[in-house]
Amino acid sequence: HILPAHTHLRRALLAHKYLSRMSMYLRVKRQKQTIFVHCDPSDTILAIKQKIQAINKVETGDQRLNKVENKKDKDGKEMTPPVPEPTEIVFDENKTVKECKLEDGAIVCLAYKKSQDPPEWEDMAIHAPEALCEEQASRESM
């Protein structure tokens, strides 16, 4: 049974549309490093940590992923261009990317455990590119 070429094309386009809706990436930032993690909305935060472990060789238990929000200026408006700022909200390992309301291209902050007993975490820091820092400084001095 042979289908017309346009039927095959339509099926291929539908499959691509379905797959592209399911596939996404997160930008995991720690200090000056950015890791682009390919994932699906159904992946758990633990699965994201396992992907980071494969790259940075840091155990999942020694990683913490925090929510990031855009920094606001003194009037409470989001800065332009957006400046990511870590929050104190830690993502639960058992929740999915979708449950955490992370969208395609979202930024999350990565911190490593500094010591085991007592557990102590490094300060969360996302360093902006130098050009952005210079632009921000000139804007604030006005």
Protein backbone atom coordinates (compact mmCIF):
# COMPACT_ATOMS: atom_id res chain seq x y z
CA HIS A 1 0.00 0.00 0.00
CA ILE A 2 1.69 3.22 -1.17
CA LEU A 3 0.62 6.59 0.21
CA PRO A 4 0.90 9.83 -1.76
CA ALA A 5 4.04 11.91 -1.07
CA HIS A 6 2.04 14.71 0.55
CA THR A 7 0.68 12.23 3.14
CA HIS A 8 4.23 11.24 4.13
CA LEU A 9 5.21 14.89 4.33
CA ARG A 10 2.17 15.69 6.50
CA ARG A 11 3.01 12.82 8.85
CA ALA A 12 6.63 13.96 9.08
CA LEU A 13 5.55 17.54 9.85
CA LEU A 14 3.11 16.37 12.52
CA ALA A 15 5.80 14.18 14.11
CA HIS A 16 8.26 17.12 14.08
CA LYS A 17 5.65 19.42 15.61
CA TYR A 18 4.90 16.86 18.34
CA LEU A 19 8.57 16.23 19.14
CA SER A 20 9.51 19.90 19.16
CA ARG A 21 6.68 20.56 21.62
CA MET A 22 8.01 17.90 23.96
CA SER A 23 11.71 18.70 23.74
CA MET A 24 13.21 21.72 25.47
CA TYR A 25 16.35 22.99 27.13
CA LEU A 26 17.24 24.67 30.41
CA ARG A 27 20.14 27.05 31.01
CA VAL A 28 21.83 25.95 34.22
CA LYS A 29 24.08 28.74 35.52
CA ARG A 30 26.75 28.66 38.20
CA GLN A 31 29.12 31.60 38.53
CA LYS A 32 30.56 32.09 35.00
CA GLN A 33 29.48 28.68 33.67
CA THR A 34 26.32 27.96 31.67
CA ILE A 35 25.25 24.39 30.91
CA PHE A 36 22.57 23.88 28.29
CA VAL A 37 20.59 20.84 29.40
CA HIS A 38 18.30 19.15 26.88
CA CYS A 39 15.21 17.74 28.59
CA ASP A 40 11.52 16.99 28.38
CA PRO A 41 8.80 18.55 30.56
CA SER A 42 8.27 15.11 32.12
CA ASP A 43 11.92 14.85 33.31
CA THR A 44 12.43 15.17 37.05
CA ILE A 45 14.81 17.65 38.64
CA LEU A 46 16.86 14.60 39.70
CA ALA A 47 17.21 13.65 36.00
CA ILE A 48 18.47 17.18 35.30
CA LYS A 49 21.01 16.81 38.12
CA GLN A 50 22.16 13.49 36.65
CA LYS A 51 22.84 15.22 33.34
CA ILE A 52 24.85 17.89 35.17
CA GLN A 53 26.75 15.12 37.02
CA ALA A 54 27.72 13.57 33.68
CA ILE A 55 29.26 16.92 32.64
CA ASN A 56 30.75 18.33 35.87
CA LYS A 57 31.39 15.06 37.79
CA VAL A 58 29.60 16.37 40.92
CA GLU A 59 27.23 13.93 42.65
CA THR A 60 23.51 14.77 42.49
CA GLY A 61 23.34 14.99 46.30
CA ASP A 62 26.00 17.71 46.19
CA GLN A 63 24.01 19.85 43.75
CA ARG A 64 21.18 22.26 44.43
CA LEU A 65 19.04 23.87 41.74
CA ASN A 66 17.31 27.13 42.61
CA LYS A 67 14.68 29.22 40.92
CA VAL A 68 15.90 32.34 39.12
CA GLU A 69 13.94 35.56 38.66
CA ASN A 70 14.83 38.68 36.73
CA LYS A 71 16.38 41.39 38.86
CA LYS A 72 14.24 44.47 39.45
CA ASP A 73 15.36 48.09 39.56
CA LYS A 74 14.70 50.50 42.44
CA ASP A 75 11.18 51.15 41.06
CA GLY A 76 10.32 47.43 41.06
CA LYS A 77 10.46 47.06 37.25
CA GLU A 78 12.39 44.25 35.56
CA MET A 79 15.72 45.45 34.25
CA THR A 80 16.33 45.70 30.53
CA PRO A 81 18.12 43.65 29.37
CA PRO A 82 16.98 41.06 31.93
CA VAL A 83 19.50 40.28 34.67
CA PRO A 84 18.99 36.82 36.22
CA GLU A 85 19.07 36.67 40.01
CA PRO A 86 18.92 33.46 42.10
CA THR A 87 16.16 33.09 44.69
CA GLU A 88 16.04 30.99 47.86
CA ILE A 89 13.49 28.62 46.26
CA VAL A 90 15.09 25.17 45.84
CA PHE A 91 13.54 22.82 43.28
CA ASP A 92 12.36 19.45 44.66
CA GLU A 93 14.24 16.52 43.05
CA ASN A 94 11.04 14.49 42.72
CA LYS A 95 9.10 17.13 40.79
CA THR A 96 9.09 17.34 37.03
CA VAL A 97 10.27 20.26 34.95
CA LYS A 98 6.63 20.94 34.10
CA GLU A 99 5.54 20.82 37.77
CA CYS A 100 8.27 23.37 38.56
CA LYS A 101 6.79 25.60 35.84
CA LEU A 102 10.09 25.73 33.95
CA GLU A 103 9.65 26.66 30.32
CA ASP A 104 11.90 26.19 27.30
CA GLY A 105 15.04 28.31 27.74
CA ALA A 106 14.46 28.93 31.46
CA ILE A 107 17.43 29.77 33.66
CA VAL A 108 18.09 27.89 36.91
CA CYS A 109 20.92 28.48 39.37
CA LEU A 110 23.27 25.66 40.35
CA ALA A 111 25.10 25.60 43.70
CA TYR A 112 27.45 22.92 45.05
CA LYS A 113 27.70 21.61 48.60
CA LYS A 114 30.85 22.96 50.29
CA SER A 115 30.85 20.60 53.27
CA GLN A 116 28.97 17.49 54.39
CA ASP A 117 28.85 17.85 58.16
CA PRO A 118 27.21 20.20 58.78
CA PRO A 119 25.81 20.54 55.25
CA GLU A 120 26.85 23.90 53.86
CA TRP A 121 26.20 25.25 50.37
CA GLU A 122 28.28 27.67 48.36
CA ASP A 123 26.81 31.11 47.74
CA MET A 124 24.57 31.22 44.71
CA ALA A 125 26.05 33.45 42.08
CA ILE A 126 25.38 34.13 38.44
CA HIS A 127 27.97 36.43 36.96
CA ALA A 128 26.70 38.63 34.15
CA PRO A 129 28.89 38.97 31.05
CA GLU A 130 31.37 41.86 31.43
CA ALA A 131 29.73 43.97 28.70
CA LEU A 132 26.40 43.72 30.53
CA CYS A 133 28.05 44.70 33.82
CA GLU A 134 29.58 47.80 32.21
CA GLU A 135 26.25 48.77 30.62
CA GLN A 136 24.45 48.28 33.96
CA ALA A 137 27.02 50.37 35.84
CA SER A 138 26.74 53.25 33.37
CA ARG A 139 22.93 53.13 33.61
CA GLU A 140 22.99 53.20 37.43
CA SER A 141 25.37 56.18 37.52
CA MET A 142 22.89 58.33 35.56
